């Protein structure tokens, strides 16, 4: 029952309109994976010494391409699950903040659906 609640909680879709200078979905996913790895690798020694928790999850990210010609509009959407890591050691009172800071440092969009508190 607990898993169903977590799945429902994380089934938030975060959307981003894409523009010519926006990263591709692949670049965004790769950056999210790198940030997740960085959070886990940095937190692991602290976990071994002090206990605590490192949480890995996936959040749906919806890339939307909207085209308009005159009065006609076309929309194309691709949904990709992106990896997110949370660490009680690095996040403080804001779950996922280390991951979001990493994403921002890479110049990548930070989905609002990644904050669970």
N, C-alpha and C. Protein backbone atom coordinates (compact mmCIF):
# COMPACT_ATOMS: atom_id res chain seq x y z
N UNK A 1 0.82 -1.19 0.00
CA UNK A 1 0.00 0.00 0.00
C UNK A 1 0.87 1.25 0.00
N UNK A 2 1.98 1.21 0.75
CA UNK A 2 2.90 2.34 0.82
C UNK A 2 3.49 2.65 -0.54
N UNK A 3 3.81 1.60 -1.33
CA UNK A 3 4.38 1.79 -2.67
C UNK A 3 3.41 2.52 -3.58
N UNK A 4 2.13 2.18 -3.48
CA UNK A 4 1.12 2.82 -4.32
C UNK A 4 1.06 4.31 -4.02
N UNK A 5 1.14 4.65 -2.74
CA UNK A 5 1.13 6.06 -2.36
C UNK A 5 2.34 6.80 -2.90
N UNK A 6 3.51 6.16 -2.85
CA UNK A 6 4.72 6.78 -3.38
C UNK A 6 4.64 6.95 -4.89
N UNK A 7 4.12 5.93 -5.56
CA UNK A 7 3.98 6.03 -7.01
C UNK A 7 3.04 7.17 -7.37
N UNK A 8 1.95 7.29 -6.65
CA UNK A 8 1.00 8.38 -6.92
C UNK A 8 1.65 9.73 -6.65
N UNK A 9 2.43 9.82 -5.56
CA UNK A 9 3.08 11.07 -5.23
C UNK A 9 4.07 11.50 -6.30
N UNK A 10 4.83 10.54 -6.83
CA UNK A 10 5.86 10.87 -7.81
C UNK A 10 5.36 10.83 -9.25
N UNK A 11 4.06 10.62 -9.44
CA UNK A 11 3.54 10.61 -10.79
C UNK A 11 3.23 12.02 -11.28
N UNK A 12 3.73 13.01 -10.55
CA UNK A 12 3.60 14.38 -11.00
C UNK A 12 4.30 14.54 -12.35
N UNK A 13 3.69 15.19 -13.25
CA UNK A 13 4.37 15.47 -14.51
C UNK A 13 4.91 16.89 -14.45
N UNK A 14 6.18 17.02 -14.70
CA UNK A 14 6.79 18.34 -14.75
C UNK A 14 7.00 18.67 -16.21
N UNK A 15 6.63 19.85 -16.58
CA UNK A 15 6.65 20.20 -17.99
C UNK A 15 7.66 21.30 -18.26
N UNK A 16 8.17 21.30 -19.45
CA UNK A 16 9.08 22.36 -19.88
C UNK A 16 8.85 22.61 -21.36
N UNK A 17 8.61 23.85 -21.70
CA UNK A 17 8.54 24.20 -23.11
C UNK A 17 9.97 24.25 -23.64
N UNK A 18 10.18 23.72 -24.81
CA UNK A 18 11.53 23.68 -25.35
C UNK A 18 11.72 24.81 -26.36
N UNK A 19 12.88 25.38 -26.34
CA UNK A 19 13.25 26.45 -27.25
C UNK A 19 14.55 26.04 -27.92
N UNK A 20 14.95 26.81 -28.90
CA UNK A 20 16.15 26.46 -29.69
C UNK A 20 17.39 26.32 -28.82
N UNK A 21 17.51 27.14 -27.75
CA UNK A 21 18.71 27.08 -26.92
C UNK A 21 18.55 26.17 -25.70
N UNK A 22 17.44 25.46 -25.61
CA UNK A 22 17.21 24.53 -24.49
C UNK A 22 17.99 23.24 -24.72
N UNK A 23 18.39 22.58 -23.64
CA UNK A 23 19.07 21.29 -23.81
C UNK A 23 18.10 20.26 -24.38
N UNK A 24 18.66 19.30 -25.09
CA UNK A 24 17.82 18.21 -25.59
C UNK A 24 17.39 17.34 -24.41
N UNK A 25 16.40 16.52 -24.65
CA UNK A 25 15.93 15.61 -23.61
C UNK A 25 17.06 14.68 -23.17
N UNK A 26 17.88 14.23 -24.12
CA UNK A 26 19.02 13.37 -23.80
C UNK A 26 20.04 14.07 -22.93
N UNK A 27 20.34 15.33 -23.24
CA UNK A 27 21.29 16.10 -22.43
C UNK A 27 20.73 16.33 -21.02
N UNK A 28 19.45 16.57 -20.95
CA UNK A 28 18.80 16.77 -19.66
C UNK A 28 18.87 15.49 -18.82
N UNK A 29 18.54 14.35 -19.45
CA UNK A 29 18.59 13.06 -18.74
C UNK A 29 20.02 12.77 -18.29
N UNK A 30 21.00 12.96 -19.17
CA UNK A 30 22.40 12.70 -18.81
C UNK A 30 22.84 13.56 -17.63
N UNK A 31 22.45 14.83 -17.64
CA UNK A 31 22.78 15.73 -16.53
C UNK A 31 22.12 15.28 -15.23
N UNK A 32 20.87 14.84 -15.32
CA UNK A 32 20.15 14.35 -14.13
C UNK A 32 20.84 13.10 -13.58
N UNK A 33 21.29 12.22 -14.47
CA UNK A 33 22.00 11.01 -14.04
C UNK A 33 23.33 11.36 -13.37
N UNK A 34 24.07 12.31 -13.95
CA UNK A 34 25.34 12.72 -13.37
C UNK A 34 25.14 13.33 -11.98
N UNK A 35 24.10 14.16 -11.84
CA UNK A 35 23.82 14.78 -10.54
C UNK A 35 23.40 13.74 -9.51
N UNK A 36 22.59 12.76 -9.94
CA UNK A 36 22.20 11.69 -9.02
C UNK A 36 23.41 10.91 -8.55
N UNK A 37 24.30 10.57 -9.49
CA UNK A 37 25.53 9.85 -9.13
C UNK A 37 26.38 10.66 -8.16
N UNK A 38 26.48 11.96 -8.42
CA UNK A 38 27.29 12.83 -7.56
C UNK A 38 26.74 12.86 -6.13
N UNK A 39 25.42 12.96 -5.99
CA UNK A 39 24.80 12.97 -4.67
C UNK A 39 25.06 11.65 -3.95
N UNK A 40 24.90 10.53 -4.64
CA UNK A 40 25.11 9.22 -4.02
C UNK A 40 26.58 9.03 -3.62
N UNK A 41 27.50 9.33 -4.52
CA UNK A 41 28.93 9.13 -4.25
C UNK A 41 29.40 10.02 -3.09
N UNK A 42 28.92 11.26 -3.04
CA UNK A 42 29.31 12.17 -1.97
C UNK A 42 28.71 11.74 -0.63
N UNK A 43 27.49 11.19 -0.66
CA UNK A 43 26.78 10.81 0.56
C UNK A 43 27.20 9.46 1.13
N UNK A 44 27.67 8.55 0.29
CA UNK A 44 27.94 7.18 0.72
C UNK A 44 28.90 7.09 1.91
N UNK A 45 30.04 7.79 1.91
CA UNK A 45 30.94 7.69 3.08
C UNK A 45 30.27 8.21 4.36
N UNK A 46 29.45 9.26 4.24
CA UNK A 46 28.76 9.80 5.40
C UNK A 46 27.73 8.82 5.93
N UNK A 47 27.07 8.11 5.01
CA UNK A 47 26.07 7.10 5.40
C UNK A 47 26.74 5.96 6.16
N UNK A 48 27.90 5.53 5.67
CA UNK A 48 28.60 4.43 6.32
C UNK A 48 29.07 4.80 7.73
N UNK A 49 29.39 6.07 7.94
CA UNK A 49 29.87 6.52 9.25
C UNK A 49 28.72 6.84 10.20
N UNK A 50 27.65 7.45 9.69
CA UNK A 50 26.63 8.02 10.56
C UNK A 50 25.23 7.43 10.41
N UNK A 51 25.04 6.49 9.50
CA UNK A 51 23.68 6.04 9.22
C UNK A 51 22.97 7.11 8.40
N UNK A 52 21.68 7.03 8.28
CA UNK A 52 20.93 8.02 7.51
C UNK A 52 20.38 7.41 6.24
N UNK A 53 19.97 8.26 5.31
CA UNK A 53 19.27 7.73 4.14
C UNK A 53 19.67 8.44 2.85
N UNK A 54 19.82 7.63 1.81
CA UNK A 54 19.98 8.12 0.44
C UNK A 54 18.80 7.52 -0.33
N UNK A 55 18.04 8.36 -1.00
CA UNK A 55 16.86 7.92 -1.72
C UNK A 55 17.03 8.18 -3.21
N UNK A 56 16.79 7.15 -4.01
CA UNK A 56 16.81 7.28 -5.47
C UNK A 56 15.38 7.13 -5.97
N UNK A 57 15.00 7.97 -6.90
CA UNK A 57 13.65 7.89 -7.47
C UNK A 57 13.69 8.39 -8.90
N UNK A 58 12.61 8.19 -9.61
CA UNK A 58 12.46 8.70 -10.96
C UNK A 58 11.24 9.62 -10.99
N UNK A 59 11.38 10.73 -11.69
CA UNK A 59 10.30 11.69 -11.82
C UNK A 59 10.02 11.88 -13.31
N UNK A 60 8.76 11.80 -13.73
CA UNK A 60 8.43 12.01 -15.14
C UNK A 60 8.72 13.46 -15.55
N UNK A 61 9.39 13.63 -16.66
CA UNK A 61 9.65 14.95 -17.23
C UNK A 61 9.02 14.98 -18.61
N UNK A 62 8.18 15.95 -18.85
CA UNK A 62 7.42 16.05 -20.09
C UNK A 62 8.01 17.17 -20.94
N UNK A 63 8.60 16.81 -22.07
CA UNK A 63 9.12 17.80 -23.01
C UNK A 63 8.03 18.05 -24.04
N UNK A 64 7.60 19.30 -24.15
CA UNK A 64 6.49 19.65 -25.04
C UNK A 64 7.00 20.57 -26.14
N UNK A 65 6.61 20.25 -27.36
CA UNK A 65 6.92 21.08 -28.52
C UNK A 65 5.59 21.56 -29.09
N UNK A 66 5.35 22.85 -29.05
CA UNK A 66 4.10 23.40 -29.56
C UNK A 66 4.41 24.24 -30.79
N UNK A 67 3.73 23.93 -31.88
CA UNK A 67 3.89 24.68 -33.13
C UNK A 67 2.57 25.35 -33.46
N UNK A 68 2.66 26.58 -33.94
CA UNK A 68 1.44 27.28 -34.34
C UNK A 68 1.65 27.92 -35.69
N UNK A 69 0.68 27.70 -36.55
CA UNK A 69 0.68 28.33 -37.86
C UNK A 69 -0.70 28.93 -38.06
N UNK A 70 -0.75 30.25 -38.14
CA UNK A 70 -2.01 30.96 -38.27
C UNK A 70 -2.89 30.60 -37.06
N UNK A 71 -4.02 29.95 -37.26
CA UNK A 71 -4.88 29.60 -36.13
C UNK A 71 -4.77 28.12 -35.75
N UNK A 72 -3.99 27.36 -36.49
CA UNK A 72 -3.82 25.93 -36.21
C UNK A 72 -2.65 25.73 -35.24
N UNK A 73 -2.85 24.85 -34.28
CA UNK A 73 -1.82 24.54 -33.28
C UNK A 73 -1.58 23.04 -33.25
N UNK A 74 -0.30 22.68 -33.14
CA UNK A 74 0.08 21.28 -33.05
C UNK A 74 0.94 21.10 -31.80
N UNK A 75 0.73 20.01 -31.07
CA UNK A 75 1.51 19.75 -29.86
C UNK A 75 2.07 18.34 -29.92
N UNK A 76 3.36 18.22 -29.59
CA UNK A 76 4.04 16.93 -29.54
C UNK A 76 4.69 16.82 -28.17
N UNK A 77 4.51 15.71 -27.49
CA UNK A 77 5.02 15.56 -26.13
C UNK A 77 5.79 14.24 -26.00
N UNK A 78 6.93 14.32 -25.31
CA UNK A 78 7.72 13.13 -25.01
C UNK A 78 7.93 13.10 -23.49
N UNK A 79 7.64 11.98 -22.87
CA UNK A 79 7.82 11.85 -21.43
C UNK A 79 9.02 10.93 -21.17
N UNK A 80 9.93 11.41 -20.35
CA UNK A 80 11.13 10.65 -19.98
C UNK A 80 11.21 10.64 -18.46
N UNK A 81 11.42 9.46 -17.88
CA UNK A 81 11.66 9.39 -16.44
C UNK A 81 13.10 9.81 -16.17
N UNK A 82 13.26 10.78 -15.29
CA UNK A 82 14.60 11.27 -14.98
C UNK A 82 14.98 10.83 -13.55
N UNK A 83 16.25 10.50 -13.35
CA UNK A 83 16.70 10.07 -12.02
C UNK A 83 16.91 11.27 -11.10
N UNK A 84 16.49 11.10 -9.86
CA UNK A 84 16.67 12.12 -8.82
C UNK A 84 17.20 11.41 -7.57
N UNK A 85 18.16 12.01 -6.90
CA UNK A 85 18.70 11.45 -5.67
C UNK A 85 18.51 12.45 -4.54
N UNK A 86 18.11 11.92 -3.39
CA UNK A 86 17.98 12.73 -2.18
C UNK A 86 18.90 12.15 -1.13
N UNK A 87 19.47 13.02 -0.31
CA UNK A 87 20.41 12.58 0.73
C UNK A 87 20.16 13.39 2.00
N UNK A 88 19.93 12.70 3.10
CA UNK A 88 19.72 13.40 4.36
C UNK A 88 20.97 14.18 4.78
N UNK A 89 22.13 13.81 4.25
CA UNK A 89 23.39 14.46 4.61
C UNK A 89 23.60 15.76 3.86
N UNK A 90 23.16 15.83 2.62
CA UNK A 90 23.44 16.99 1.78
C UNK A 90 22.25 17.93 1.63
N UNK A 91 21.04 17.42 1.81
CA UNK A 91 19.84 18.21 1.53
C UNK A 91 19.37 19.08 2.69
N UNK A 92 19.77 18.76 3.89
CA UNK A 92 19.26 19.51 5.04
C UNK A 92 17.75 19.31 5.14
N UNK A 93 17.01 20.39 5.29
CA UNK A 93 15.57 20.29 5.47
C UNK A 93 14.80 20.33 4.15
N UNK A 94 15.50 20.46 3.03
CA UNK A 94 14.84 20.54 1.72
C UNK A 94 15.25 19.33 0.87
N UNK A 95 14.40 18.30 0.87
CA UNK A 95 14.71 17.06 0.15
C UNK A 95 15.01 17.33 -1.32
N UNK A 96 16.12 16.79 -1.80
CA UNK A 96 16.50 16.94 -3.20
C UNK A 96 17.26 18.21 -3.54
N UNK A 97 17.55 19.03 -2.54
CA UNK A 97 18.19 20.33 -2.83
C UNK A 97 19.60 20.17 -3.41
N UNK A 98 20.37 19.18 -2.98
CA UNK A 98 21.71 18.98 -3.53
C UNK A 98 21.61 18.61 -5.01
N UNK A 99 20.65 17.76 -5.37
CA UNK A 99 20.44 17.37 -6.77
C UNK A 99 20.02 18.59 -7.59
N UNK A 100 19.07 19.38 -7.07
CA UNK A 100 18.60 20.58 -7.79
C UNK A 100 19.73 21.59 -7.97
N UNK A 101 20.56 21.77 -6.94
CA UNK A 101 21.70 22.69 -7.05
C UNK A 101 22.68 22.22 -8.12
N UNK A 102 22.91 20.91 -8.18
CA UNK A 102 23.78 20.35 -9.22
C UNK A 102 23.22 20.62 -10.60
N UNK A 103 21.91 20.39 -10.78
CA UNK A 103 21.27 20.63 -12.08
C UNK A 103 21.39 22.11 -12.47
N UNK A 104 21.12 23.00 -11.52
CA UNK A 104 21.23 24.43 -11.79
C UNK A 104 22.67 24.80 -12.15
N UNK A 105 23.63 24.19 -11.47
CA UNK A 105 25.04 24.44 -11.76
C UNK A 105 25.44 24.01 -13.16
N UNK A 106 24.74 23.05 -13.72
CA UNK A 106 25.00 22.59 -15.09
C UNK A 106 24.21 23.41 -16.11
N UNK A 107 23.41 24.37 -15.61
CA UNK A 107 22.60 25.19 -16.52
C UNK A 107 21.39 24.44 -17.06
N UNK A 108 20.96 23.39 -16.36
CA UNK A 108 19.82 22.59 -16.80
C UNK A 108 18.58 23.01 -16.04
N UNK A 109 17.41 22.86 -16.66
CA UNK A 109 16.17 23.22 -15.96
C UNK A 109 15.97 22.34 -14.73
N UNK A 110 15.42 22.91 -13.69
CA UNK A 110 15.17 22.17 -12.46
C UNK A 110 13.66 21.99 -12.31
N UNK A 111 13.17 20.78 -12.55
CA UNK A 111 11.73 20.55 -12.46
C UNK A 111 11.22 20.79 -11.04
N UNK A 112 10.11 21.50 -10.92
CA UNK A 112 9.55 21.80 -9.61
C UNK A 112 9.00 20.54 -8.94
N UNK A 113 8.62 19.52 -9.70
CA UNK A 113 8.07 18.29 -9.14
C UNK A 113 9.09 17.45 -8.40
N UNK A 114 10.37 17.87 -8.38
CA UNK A 114 11.40 17.09 -7.69
C UNK A 114 11.47 17.42 -6.22
N UNK A 115 10.78 18.45 -5.76
CA UNK A 115 10.80 18.78 -4.34
C UNK A 115 9.61 18.11 -3.68
N UNK A 116 9.90 17.22 -2.73
CA UNK A 116 8.84 16.43 -2.10
C UNK A 116 8.43 16.99 -0.75
N UNK A 117 9.13 17.96 -0.21
CA UNK A 117 8.75 18.54 1.10
C UNK A 117 8.12 19.89 0.88
